[in-house]
Every structure is written in structure tokens, then in C-alpha cells.
Protein backbone atom coordinates (compact mmCIF):
# COMPACT_ATOMS: atom_id res chain seq x y z
CA UNK A 1 35.10 46.47 107.75
CA UNK A 2 33.36 46.03 110.92
CA UNK A 3 30.17 43.63 111.64
CA UNK A 4 27.95 46.29 112.00
CA UNK A 5 27.89 47.29 108.47
CA UNK A 6 26.44 43.70 107.98
CA UNK A 7 23.23 44.65 109.81
CA UNK A 8 21.83 47.01 106.91
CA UNK A 9 20.87 43.58 105.09
CA UNK A 10 17.73 41.08 106.22
CA UNK A 11 18.50 37.95 104.03
CA UNK A 12 21.88 36.96 105.03
CA UNK A 13 23.59 33.46 104.08
CA UNK A 14 26.96 32.60 105.62
CA UNK A 15 28.94 30.20 103.30
CA UNK A 16 32.59 28.41 104.45
CA UNK A 17 34.55 26.89 102.08
CA UNK A 18 33.86 23.19 100.52
CA UNK A 19 34.76 20.44 102.50
CA UNK A 20 34.99 22.73 105.75
CA UNK A 21 37.57 22.44 108.24
CA UNK A 22 37.34 23.46 111.95
CA UNK A 23 38.38 27.15 111.80
CA UNK A 24 35.75 27.35 108.50
CA UNK A 25 32.76 26.13 110.82
CA UNK A 26 34.20 27.87 113.96
CA UNK A 27 34.49 31.09 111.98
CA UNK A 28 30.87 30.82 110.51
CA UNK A 29 29.44 29.63 114.07
CA UNK A 30 30.66 32.95 115.51
CA UNK A 31 29.19 35.33 112.61
CA UNK A 32 25.97 33.47 112.80
CA UNK A 33 26.05 34.06 116.47
CA UNK A 34 26.69 37.75 116.23
CA UNK A 35 23.94 38.12 113.77
CA UNK A 36 21.63 36.35 115.80
CA UNK A 37 22.40 38.42 118.71
CA UNK A 38 21.59 41.49 116.76
CA UNK A 39 18.06 39.96 115.80
CA UNK A 40 19.08 39.50 112.26
CA UNK A 41 18.10 36.09 110.47
CA UNK A 42 21.07 34.29 109.31
CA UNK A 43 21.62 30.94 107.56
CA UNK A 44 24.79 29.03 107.96
CA UNK A 45 25.80 26.84 104.85
CA UNK A 46 28.62 24.69 102.92
CA UNK A 47 28.68 23.12 99.56
CA UNK A 48 30.57 21.22 97.44
CA UNK A 49 30.56 17.45 96.66
CA UNK A 50 31.03 15.72 99.83
CA UNK A 51 29.68 16.29 103.66
CA UNK A 52 31.36 16.38 106.61
CA UNK A 53 32.69 13.01 107.55
CA UNK A 54 35.73 13.26 109.73
CA UNK A 55 35.33 12.01 113.26
CA UNK A 56 36.72 15.34 114.88
CA UNK A 57 34.68 17.24 113.10
CA UNK A 58 31.36 14.96 113.45
CA UNK A 59 31.99 15.29 117.01
CA UNK A 60 32.42 19.45 116.74
CA UNK A 61 29.08 19.54 114.97
CA UNK A 62 27.34 17.31 117.39
CA UNK A 63 28.56 18.74 120.83
CA UNK A 64 29.49 22.29 119.86
CA UNK A 65 26.03 22.47 118.06
CA UNK A 66 26.96 24.13 114.99
CA UNK A 67 23.97 25.41 113.17
CA UNK A 68 25.27 24.59 109.59
CA UNK A 69 23.64 22.66 106.99
CA UNK A 70 25.06 21.11 103.80
CA UNK A 71 23.37 22.32 101.15
CA UNK A 72 25.31 21.36 97.72
CA UNK A 73 22.03 22.07 95.62
CA UNK A 74 21.50 25.56 96.90
CA UNK A 75 19.80 27.64 94.50
CA UNK A 76 18.75 30.99 96.77
CA UNK A 77 20.03 34.28 95.80
CA UNK A 78 20.49 36.08 99.21
CA UNK A 79 20.63 39.54 99.66
CA UNK A 80 23.96 39.25 101.21
CA UNK A 81 26.60 36.62 101.11
CA UNK A 82 29.32 36.00 103.59
CA UNK A 83 32.18 33.59 103.01
CA UNK A 84 34.29 32.82 106.04
CA UNK A 85 37.64 31.09 106.03
CA UNK A 86 37.76 31.43 101.84
CA UNK A 87 37.56 34.29 99.33
CA UNK A 88 34.19 34.46 96.97
CA UNK A 89 35.41 33.24 93.76
CA UNK A 90 38.10 31.27 94.86
CA UNK A 91 38.47 27.57 94.03
CA UNK A 92 37.79 25.39 97.25
CA UNK A 93 34.27 27.59 97.51
CA UNK A 94 31.44 26.50 95.22
CA UNK A 95 30.20 29.90 93.82
CA UNK A 96 26.77 30.98 95.01
CA UNK A 97 25.28 33.95 93.43
CA UNK A 98 23.98 36.87 96.14
CA UNK A 99 22.98 40.74 95.32
CA UNK A 100 26.04 41.59 97.63
CA UNK A 101 29.04 39.73 98.97
CA UNK A 102 31.18 40.29 101.87
CA UNK A 103 34.43 38.36 102.74
CA UNK A 104 36.12 37.64 106.14
CA UNK A 105 39.33 35.34 105.64
CA UNK A 106 43.27 35.13 106.87
CA UNK A 107 44.56 33.40 103.57
CA UNK A 108 46.67 35.41 100.91
CA UNK A 109 44.49 37.19 98.67
CA UNK A 110 44.48 35.77 95.56
CA UNK A 111 41.03 37.22 93.80
CA UNK A 112 39.57 40.86 93.72
CA UNK A 113 37.93 41.39 96.71
CA UNK A 114 34.62 42.93 97.26
CA UNK A 115 34.43 46.64 98.98
CA UNK A 116 32.77 44.62 102.53
CA UNK A 117 35.95 42.26 103.14
CA UNK A 118 38.24 41.82 106.05
CA UNK A 119 41.14 39.91 104.94
CA UNK A 120 44.23 39.57 107.95
CA UNK A 121 46.46 37.35 106.32
CA UNK A 122 48.97 37.52 109.23
CA UNK A 123 46.33 36.13 111.47
CA UNK A 124 46.83 32.15 112.50
CA UNK A 125 42.91 31.51 112.01
CA UNK A 126 39.51 33.12 110.52
CA UNK A 127 38.13 32.33 114.13
CA UNK A 128 40.57 34.98 115.56
CA UNK A 129 39.33 37.83 113.15
CA UNK A 130 35.74 36.91 114.31
CA UNK A 131 36.73 37.16 117.97
CA UNK A 132 38.42 40.18 117.43
CA UNK A 133 35.70 41.83 115.27
CA UNK A 134 32.93 40.79 117.70
CA UNK A 135 34.81 42.38 120.72
CA UNK A 136 34.97 45.22 118.94
CA UNK A 137 30.97 45.49 118.87
CA UNK A 138 31.19 45.04 122.59
CA UNK A 139 30.08 41.36 122.95
CA UNK A 140 31.82 38.60 124.79
CA UNK A 141 31.86 35.19 123.31
CA UNK A 142 33.06 33.62 126.51
CA UNK A 143 29.53 33.88 127.70
CA UNK A 144 29.06 30.82 125.42
CA UNK A 145 30.83 28.17 126.09
CA UNK A 146 29.99 26.39 123.38
CA UNK A 147 31.10 29.04 120.85
CA UNK A 148 34.52 29.85 122.66
CA UNK A 149 35.09 26.10 122.50
CA UNK A 150 35.18 25.97 118.73
CA UNK A 151 36.88 29.33 118.49
CA UNK A 152 39.41 27.87 120.42
CA UNK A 153 39.69 24.52 118.40
CA UNK A 154 39.38 26.56 114.98
CA UNK A 155 42.84 28.09 116.13
CA UNK A 156 44.01 25.07 117.39
CA UNK A 157 43.60 23.07 114.50
CA UNK A 158 44.70 25.67 111.86
CA UNK A 159 47.91 26.44 113.69
CA UNK A 160 48.70 22.71 113.88
CA UNK A 161 47.84 22.24 117.93
CA UNK A 162 48.62 25.75 118.33
CA UNK A 163 52.18 25.23 117.09
CA UNK A 164 52.09 27.74 114.48
CA UNK A 165 50.79 30.80 116.18
CA UNK A 166 52.73 34.06 115.16
CA UNK A 167 50.52 36.67 115.90
CA UNK A 168 49.69 38.02 119.43
CA UNK A 169 46.08 38.39 118.82
CA UNK A 170 45.90 34.98 118.28
CA UNK A 171 47.38 34.71 121.68
CA UNK A 172 45.03 37.10 123.31
CA UNK A 173 42.25 34.94 121.77
CA UNK A 174 43.63 32.15 123.75
CA UNK A 175 43.94 33.66 127.06
CA UNK A 176 40.41 35.25 127.00
CA UNK A 177 38.28 32.16 125.98
CA UNK A 178 36.51 29.68 128.61
CA UNK A 179 36.66 26.63 126.73
CA UNK A 180 35.14 22.65 127.66
CA UNK A 181 38.25 21.04 127.77
CA UNK A 182 36.87 17.65 127.86
CA UNK A 183 35.37 18.25 124.23
CA UNK A 184 38.62 19.81 123.01
CA UNK A 185 40.37 16.61 124.42
CA UNK A 186 37.78 14.11 122.67
CA UNK A 187 38.09 16.01 119.19
CA UNK A 188 41.85 16.18 119.48
CA UNK A 189 41.88 12.23 120.16
CA UNK A 190 39.95 11.67 116.97
CA UNK A 191 41.87 13.62 114.67
CA UNK A 192 43.72 10.49 112.76
CA UNK A 193 42.01 8.10 110.67
CA UNK A 194 43.51 4.58 110.08
CA UNK A 195 43.86 5.83 106.18
CA UNK A 196 45.69 8.80 107.73
CA UNK A 197 47.92 6.93 109.94
CA UNK A 198 48.95 4.83 106.41
CA UNK A 199 49.53 8.24 104.86
CA UNK A 200 51.82 9.14 107.92
CA UNK A 201 53.60 5.86 107.44
CA UNK A 202 54.12 5.87 103.81
CA UNK A 203 55.48 9.51 103.98
CA UNK A 204 57.89 8.81 106.62
CA UNK A 205 59.60 6.01 104.60
CA UNK A 206 59.80 8.11 101.50
CA UNK A 207 62.08 11.01 103.11
CA UNK A 208 64.79 12.95 101.19
CA UNK A 209 67.63 13.40 103.97
CA UNK A 210 70.11 16.62 102.75
CA UNK A 211 73.44 15.84 104.96
CA UNK A 212 74.89 18.86 104.16
CA UNK A 213 72.65 21.23 106.08
CA UNK A 214 71.22 18.23 108.33
CA UNK A 215 67.62 18.83 106.68
CA UNK A 216 64.88 15.95 105.41
CA UNK A 217 61.91 17.17 103.41
CA UNK A 218 59.10 14.39 103.28
CA UNK A 219 55.83 14.91 100.89
CA UNK A 220 52.88 13.44 101.94
CA UNK A 221 49.60 12.63 100.15
CA UNK A 222 46.80 15.40 100.62
CA UNK A 223 45.38 14.70 103.91
CA UNK A 224 44.34 17.11 107.10
CA UNK A 225 47.30 19.45 107.82
CA UNK A 226 47.42 18.27 111.42
CA UNK A 227 48.85 15.16 110.13
CA UNK A 228 51.95 17.40 108.31
CA UNK A 229 52.73 18.10 112.03
CA UNK A 230 52.53 14.62 113.45
CA UNK A 231 55.31 13.54 110.23
CA UNK A 232 57.73 16.66 110.95
CA UNK A 233 57.53 16.01 114.82
CA UNK A 234 58.33 12.60 114.63
CA UNK A 235 60.90 12.53 111.88
CA UNK A 236 62.78 15.72 113.94
CA UNK A 237 63.52 13.09 117.04
CA UNK A 238 65.67 11.58 114.08
CA UNK A 239 69.76 11.69 115.37
CA UNK A 240 71.67 14.32 112.63
CA UNK A 241 68.33 15.80 111.75
CA UNK A 242 68.18 19.70 112.57
CA UNK A 243 65.11 20.61 110.46
CA UNK A 244 62.14 18.70 108.98
CA UNK A 245 59.99 20.34 106.41
CA UNK A 246 56.70 18.17 105.42
CA UNK A 247 54.18 18.89 102.89
CA UNK A 248 51.43 18.14 100.55
CA UNK A 249 49.97 19.13 97.26
CA UNK A 250 46.11 19.78 96.77
CA UNK A 251 44.67 21.59 93.99
CA UNK A 252 44.18 24.88 95.88
CA UNK A 253 47.12 24.85 97.90
CA UNK A 254 50.42 23.71 99.29
CA UNK A 255 50.38 23.12 102.80
CA UNK A 256 53.56 22.67 104.58
CA UNK A 257 54.95 22.30 108.11
CA UNK A 258 58.37 22.86 109.53
CA UNK A 259 59.94 22.10 112.65
CA UNK A 260 63.38 23.00 114.02
CA UNK A 261 65.70 21.55 117.24
CA UNK A 262 68.55 23.83 116.99
CA UNK A 263 68.25 27.51 118.43
CA UNK A 264 70.21 28.59 115.18
CA UNK A 265 67.31 28.27 113.11
CA UNK A 266 63.80 29.81 113.91
CA UNK A 267 61.20 27.53 112.28
CA UNK A 268 58.80 30.64 112.02
CA UNK A 269 61.24 32.51 110.07
CA UNK A 270 62.29 29.95 108.12
CA UNK A 271 58.67 29.19 107.20
CA UNK A 272 58.36 32.94 106.01
CA UNK A 273 61.46 32.42 103.99
CA UNK A 274 60.08 29.43 102.34
CA UNK A 275 56.71 30.90 101.13
CA UNK A 276 57.87 34.34 100.34
CA UNK A 277 56.22 36.09 97.70
CA UNK A 278 54.26 32.93 96.88
CA UNK A 279 52.06 32.42 99.89
CA UNK A 280 52.58 32.89 103.71
CA UNK A 281 54.02 31.21 106.66
CA UNK A 282 54.71 31.61 110.54
CA UNK A 283 54.50 30.45 113.75
CA UNK A 284 56.78 29.52 116.87
CA UNK A 285 60.67 29.58 117.09
CA UNK A 286 60.82 25.62 116.91
CA UNK A 287 57.39 24.80 115.30
CA UNK A 288 56.02 26.61 112.51
CA UNK A 289 54.15 25.97 108.89
CA UNK A 290 52.67 27.78 105.81
CA UNK A 291 50.93 27.78 102.69
CA UNK A 292 52.22 28.22 98.96
CA UNK A 293 49.49 29.26 96.41
CA UNK A 294 49.98 27.06 92.94
CA UNK A 295 48.69 29.93 91.13
CA UNK A 296 51.63 32.28 91.93
CA UNK A 297 54.01 29.76 91.02
CA UNK A 298 55.53 30.41 87.35
CA UNK A 299 54.91 27.02 86.45
CA UNK A 300 55.54 25.74 82.64
CA UNK A 301 52.68 24.11 81.16
CA UNK A 302 54.63 20.75 80.71
CA UNK A 303 56.00 20.58 83.99
CA UNK A 304 55.15 18.71 87.03
CA UNK A 305 54.08 20.72 90.14
CA UNK A 306 55.31 18.02 92.65
CA UNK A 307 58.63 18.34 91.19
CA UNK A 308 58.65 22.19 90.98
CA UNK A 309 57.74 22.38 94.33
CA UNK A 310 60.21 19.97 95.72
CA UNK A 311 62.77 22.34 93.56
CA UNK A 312 61.64 25.55 95.22
CA UNK A 313 61.81 23.66 98.77
CA UNK A 314 65.31 22.31 97.83
CA UNK A 315 66.79 26.09 96.31
CA UNK A 316 64.88 28.15 99.25
CA UNK A 317 66.47 25.81 101.98
CA UNK A 318 69.91 26.06 100.70
CA UNK A 319 69.42 29.61 100.18
CA UNK A 320 68.25 30.14 103.59
CA UNK A 321 71.43 28.60 104.87
CA UNK A 322 74.06 30.12 102.88
CA UNK A 323 72.49 33.68 103.69
CA UNK A 324 73.31 34.31 107.50
CA UNK A 325 76.38 34.58 109.36
CA UNK A 326 75.47 33.79 113.18
CA UNK A 327 76.97 35.82 115.93
CA UNK A 328 76.77 35.58 119.80
CA UNK A 329 77.14 38.83 121.28
CA UNK A 330 78.65 37.53 124.67
CA UNK A 331 81.46 35.79 122.56
CA UNK A 332 82.08 38.51 119.89
CA UNK A 333 84.09 41.55 119.62
CA UNK A 334 83.08 43.51 116.49
CA UNK A 335 85.95 45.00 114.45
CA UNK A 336 85.26 48.71 114.78
CA UNK A 337 87.22 49.50 111.51
CA UNK A 338 85.35 51.31 108.95
CA UNK A 339 82.49 51.58 111.43
CA UNK A 340 81.34 55.21 112.61
CA UNK A 341 80.10 56.85 115.79
CA UNK A 342 76.57 57.90 115.99
CA UNK A 343 74.59 59.23 118.88
CA UNK A 344 70.91 59.05 119.96
CA UNK A 345 68.90 61.52 118.16
CA UNK A 346 66.15 63.40 120.71
CA UNK A 347 63.62 61.47 119.94
CA UNK A 348 60.68 60.66 122.86
CA UNK A 349 60.55 56.82 123.70
CA UNK A 350 58.37 55.03 126.42
CA UNK A 351 59.96 53.68 129.64
CA UNK A 352 58.38 51.39 132.05
CA UNK A 353 59.96 50.03 135.50
CA UNK A 354 59.17 46.38 135.91
CA UNK A 355 58.47 46.82 139.84
CA UNK A 356 55.63 49.51 138.90
CA UNK A 357 53.36 46.70 137.15
CA UNK A 358 54.38 43.33 139.31
CA UNK A 359 56.53 42.68 142.32
CA UNK A 360 59.95 41.82 142.95
CA UNK A 361 60.93 38.41 141.61
CA UNK A 362 57.88 37.94 139.56
CA UNK A 363 58.39 36.06 136.34
CA UNK A 364 56.45 37.86 133.79
CA UNK A 365 55.55 37.28 130.06
CA UNK A 366 55.88 40.49 127.61
CA UNK A 367 53.92 40.37 124.94
CA UNK A 368 54.49 42.21 121.70
CA UNK A 369 54.10 41.96 117.88
CA UNK A 370 57.69 40.25 117.60
CA UNK A 371 56.80 37.76 120.10
CA UNK A 372 56.55 37.04 123.62
CA UNK A 373 59.08 37.33 126.10
CA UNK A 374 59.71 36.19 129.60
CA UNK A 375 61.88 38.23 132.20
CA UNK A 376 62.41 38.24 135.90
CA UNK A 377 61.48 41.25 137.66
CA UNK A 378 64.38 42.79 139.08
CA UNK A 379 64.78 46.24 141.01
CA UNK A 380 67.08 47.78 138.27
CA UNK A 381 65.24 46.40 135.29
CA UNK A 382 63.09 48.54 132.87
CA UNK A 383 61.18 48.03 129.47
CA UNK A 384 61.83 50.89 126.88
CA UNK A 385 59.27 51.16 124.08
CA UNK A 386 60.43 52.12 120.43
CA UNK A 387 59.22 54.27 118.12
CA UNK A 388 56.84 51.19 116.29
CA UNK A 389 55.86 50.00 120.02
CA UNK A 390 58.93 47.49 119.58
CA UNK A 391 59.86 46.51 123.64
CA UNK A 392 63.47 45.40 125.21
CA UNK A 393 64.46 45.35 128.57
CA UNK A 394 67.32 48.06 129.85
CA UNK A 395 69.10 48.16 133.00
CA UNK A 396 68.43 51.32 135.41
CA UNK A 397 72.45 52.37 134.79
CA UNK A 398 72.16 52.53 131.05
CA UNK A 399 68.65 54.14 130.91
CA UNK A 400 69.96 57.22 133.57
CA UNK A 401 73.25 56.87 131.54
CA UNK A 402 71.59 57.55 128.03
CA UNK A 403 68.02 59.38 128.64
CA UNK A 404 66.23 61.78 130.79
CA UNK A 405 62.90 62.02 131.84
CA UNK A 406 60.53 63.96 129.72
CA UNK A 407 56.96 63.86 131.30
CA UNK A 408 54.64 61.69 133.47
CA UNK A 409 52.77 60.34 130.81
CA UNK A 410 53.58 58.88 127.47
CA UNK A 411 50.87 58.35 124.81
CA UNK A 412 51.43 56.65 121.55
CA UNK A 413 49.34 54.03 119.49
CA UNK A 414 50.66 51.02 117.56
CA UNK A 415 49.61 48.43 115.41
CA UNK A 416 49.72 45.89 118.42
CA UNK A 417 49.76 47.57 122.12
CA UNK A 418 52.50 45.25 124.61
CA UNK A 419 51.15 43.99 127.52
CA UNK A 420 52.47 41.87 130.35
CA UNK A 421 51.37 38.59 132.05
CA UNK A 422 52.34 37.62 135.55
CA UNK A 423 53.01 34.03 134.55
CA UNK A 424 52.16 32.73 138.01
CA UNK A 425 48.97 34.35 138.71
CA UNK A 426 47.84 34.77 135.13
CA UNK A 427 47.01 38.57 135.89
CA UNK A 428 47.60 40.94 132.72
CA UNK A 429 48.21 44.61 132.48
CA UNK A 430 48.88 46.87 129.66
CA UNK A 431 51.87 48.84 129.05
CA UNK A 432 51.37 51.63 127.72
CA UNK A 433 49.29 53.07 130.61
CA UNK A 434 52.37 52.69 133.28
CA UNK A 435 54.80 54.40 130.71
CA UNK A 436 56.67 57.58 131.05
CA UNK A 437 58.02 59.52 128.05
CA UNK A 438 62.31 59.66 128.05
CA UNK A 439 64.31 61.22 125.66
CA UNK A 440 68.20 60.66 124.93
CA UNK A 441 70.56 62.44 126.47
CA UNK A 442 73.08 62.33 123.66
CA UNK A 443 75.60 60.31 125.42
CA UNK A 444 74.22 57.09 124.27
CA UNK A 445 76.86 56.47 121.70
CA UNK A 446 77.43 53.51 119.10
CA UNK A 447 79.66 52.33 116.68
CA UNK A 448 77.70 51.11 113.78
CA UNK A 449 77.73 50.11 109.78
CA UNK A 450 75.28 48.83 107.52
CA UNK A 451 75.13 44.88 106.90
CA UNK A 452 76.35 43.69 103.67
CA UNK A 453 75.49 40.06 104.72
CA UNK A 454 72.53 38.87 106.88
CA UNK A 455 73.33 37.73 110.45
CA UNK A 456 71.66 36.24 113.23
CA UNK A 457 72.49 37.83 116.37
CA UNK A 458 72.20 36.36 119.92
CA UNK A 459 72.30 39.76 122.40
CA UNK A 460 73.57 39.76 125.61
CA UNK A 461 69.83 39.76 127.50
CA UNK A 462 68.75 36.54 125.36
CA UNK A 463 71.12 33.80 124.40
CA UNK A 464 68.50 31.44 123.20
CA UNK A 465 66.83 33.97 120.76
CA UNK A 466 68.17 35.63 118.07
CA UNK A 467 67.42 38.75 115.93
CA UNK A 468 67.64 38.84 112.10
CA UNK A 469 69.28 41.18 110.08
CA UNK A 470 69.11 41.94 106.52
CA UNK A 471 71.85 43.64 104.26
CA UNK A 472 70.91 47.48 104.83
CA UNK A 473 70.00 47.28 108.32
CA UNK A 474 72.93 48.44 110.87
CA UNK A 475 74.73 46.55 113.21
CA UNK A 476 75.56 48.45 115.90
CA UNK A 477 77.62 48.22 119.18
CA UNK A 478 77.87 50.38 122.40
CA UNK A 479 81.11 52.61 122.88
CA UNK A 480 81.24 51.80 126.47
CA UNK A 481 80.22 47.76 126.11
CA UNK A 482 81.94 45.85 123.52
CA UNK A 483 79.58 43.20 123.68
CA UNK A 484 76.35 44.94 123.80
CA UNK A 485 75.84 44.28 120.18
CA UNK A 486 72.27 44.88 118.30
CA UNK A 487 70.66 45.29 115.04
CA UNK A 488 68.63 48.39 114.19
CA UNK A 489 66.40 48.08 110.98
CA UNK A 490 67.46 50.30 107.96
CA UNK A 491 64.12 52.16 108.02
CA UNK A 492 64.75 53.18 111.55
CA UNK A 493 68.16 53.81 111.68
CA UNK A 494 68.49 57.69 110.75
CA UNK A 495 65.05 58.26 112.60
CA UNK A 496 66.97 57.28 115.81
CA UNK A 497 70.86 58.16 115.48
CA UNK A 498 73.10 60.82 113.65
CA UNK A 499 76.53 60.58 113.09
CA UNK A 500 79.08 62.59 114.97
CA UNK A 501 81.36 63.99 112.75
């Protein structure tokens, strides 16, 4: 859906979920701002049993001048109702009749969506989606610092102080916004009430510790999701604890926070694993979180939801630990018995010389769908762009040995176009305009075999961040370098390599 589709209506009401949080308020505010820019009359409301009373949200409403009104008895039937940060028909939003309905949200889909809907469940906040939709309409929200500050705070709170961001679009919004930092600080320092402080203490005192894998599980009372981050951050400082999982249960969702202090376990991967099939999760390597939808659980009628959720978390944590073999490429020599030899198929890929983008010795951040990677610009260092837009470093020696130039331009489109930023100056450049086409020479040969057990592989060029491979994916090693080991996705392998008979 594009925002311009909403301009065919005249009487428009924007509704966020009951008991709105910062992301819901920011998202509704952004849509209201867009519609007013387009000379459309719009009203922004929330309903439910309670008006906003939390200190940080009261400051947000006042200082950022958010034009929302509390309408518990709203009786109009507008021409168009747009729900933001929620889905029409869900339990957490009071049903408001309307002639037409549209939905903009970032949560897992749990109801039938109307034709006019934009739901991106892999984005960290609904505020990010509105920012992206507005910029696609040719408008810049940064011209309004109050709106920019609201959008920032929406993402900030919905991703536990930015610790659970997993999609590069969220980071792109952060880079682009011009915000009032003093208001952000004021709201952030009013986030915990005395009651929530008590909730934090009670939860920490009632922990469950599992010595076999060094993890904690802590259940809290229903609270602001940021409190879970406070609980798990504090608890992770305990000696002998590698992983902390804190969660609460509400009528609408199970919200959880994950923290890791060991490089062998990425919190974002673990969060996604815990919620697989029953919700969603993501974030950073060391800080992440997610949501489980109670309606997706096979809960027996007489069973206790808290007991069931605890059981799910315990079983999934244990199975996650048992799932992987950990390999360090620098220290590993693979047994090639049973591995077949392959060579690269003539597939067009992209190649970028880092010194074409930034000066020698610059520290740059490469942003891709897989995450951010920091590298130093060196004379012999290049970037390869794979067939799905994945980006990885390569030395000039290996590049010239394995590929030959194809043409001076490289024209491909991907779900997310990688870009690169100078860490010191903040200057940002798109990668693809600098890319040149290359094709395999057929001399890049590897030994490979399908994985029968999932692995976490620390490669030669990144000893802090592992790459996961599942059964069916391929583990491969270059023929000319026994420590250059990597994982190739099953869906890509036969597009990239052919067996040497």
C-alpha cells in the first residue's frame, strides 16, 4: 500500500491501539502530519478503558505536541479508519465501525487484513514504516523536529533503547532524523515508575538458573517492555550467567528480552529461534527481544498459560544449545573425506574497490540486510556483492584469481540495497553505483558437503561474529586455503557451483 491511496477519502480517522505506547503515538502522529500536508482533514484518536498516564508518554504528548485525543465513547462512523501499530479486529484495539479500513503495522499478522494494508513484521517499529512510506511520497519528516523526535522515540522504546534493532531500514531512519536530544533524555529518564521499580526487584529475586548451559529465565509482572531490558541487563552482570531471558505475559502477547555476553550465542538469532512459528524476534548480537502470540500456542483448555510459556522457553533454549556445532576457521582444518570438489559457475556478481569510495585507512561501516560490518579501507581490499545482495570482503589476490572483469557497470536490484558509511565523518554512499560486474574464471574451486548438523562458523575475516548454517546448507573450504571456510545456503549452492567430475 502507498500513502497516496488514502487521499481518495475525505473523512479520515487514525486510531492506535488502546493504552498506546510511544511507537503507536509516533506512528499516528506521522500519518496525521502527512495527511494534513496533503490538505486532508484527519482526526487522531485512541480508545479503551484508560487514558495515558505514564510520565514519559505525558511528556511526549506535551513537548512534542502530538494531536491525539482520548475517545473512549467514539461514536462516529468515518469514511476511512486507519489503524496504526495494530490490526483492525485485534483484542488490543477497541473496534470502531467505519466504511473503509486500512492497516499500517509491524507486528505478526493475527487477523484477516483489509485490502489496504501495509504490515512489515520484520521492522523494529511502526514509526519506521511510516517514515519510509512518507519519504517514498517525496516528503522529509526532518523538516519537523518534533515529529522527527517522536519517530525516534517510537523506535527507541519499541526496540528496548535501540538494542533490539535488526532491520537496516530502522538504522537508516535513525541516521536521517534530526531530533531534540534534550526531550529524548527527559522522556527516557521518566520511563520507570516506583511501581515498575518494585516489579523489577520482585522479578529478579524470583529467577530460575540453569547451570548446565549458564542461562537465567526471569518472569516479571506485566510492565513496560523496556523494564524487561532493565531486568535482563542487570541480571547478565551475574557471574556464571551467559544468557538472560526476561519475559511477561499479557492478554495480547508474551513479550520477552534476551541478553547474551558470549560471542558464541547471538541474542538476535536466539530471540528468533524462541519465537519461531509463534511470534517474532530479533535485535542485536548481544541484545534482542521478541513477542509470542498466545493465540498461536496449542494451549490445552485447563492448562496454565504461564506454565506453558515457561515450558516452551526451557525446551527451546535447551534445543538451541544442542542444535549447533561451533567451528573457528582460524583453528579448524576440515576433514575432506567425503567432500566433493566444485567450481564456480559463470554467474555475474558485483565487485567494489573500497578505495573508490573512501580514502585509504578509513574505517567504514557496511550496512546490509544481514547487519552492519565495520572494516578498514585497504589498498587490496574489495567487496563482493552476491546474487541476493549479500556483501562480503575479499582480497585483491583472491579476486583476481577467481574472477575476471565483465563490464564497467553492475545493475541489480535487491530487497535492501547495501550502502557504506565513513564512521568518522558520517558520510554515506550507496555501494551499487560504484560496483563493476565480474564473472567467475572457473579457477575458484572448493570442497563442500551438505551439513547434517547446524553449525556456527567464525570465519577468517570476522572472528567476533559467526555465520550460521542449518542442515542441508553446505560447508565449504577453498582448495587453496584450508582455513578459508564458509557456509553457503542450500537454496544458493547449485546456482553458484557445479561439481567437478
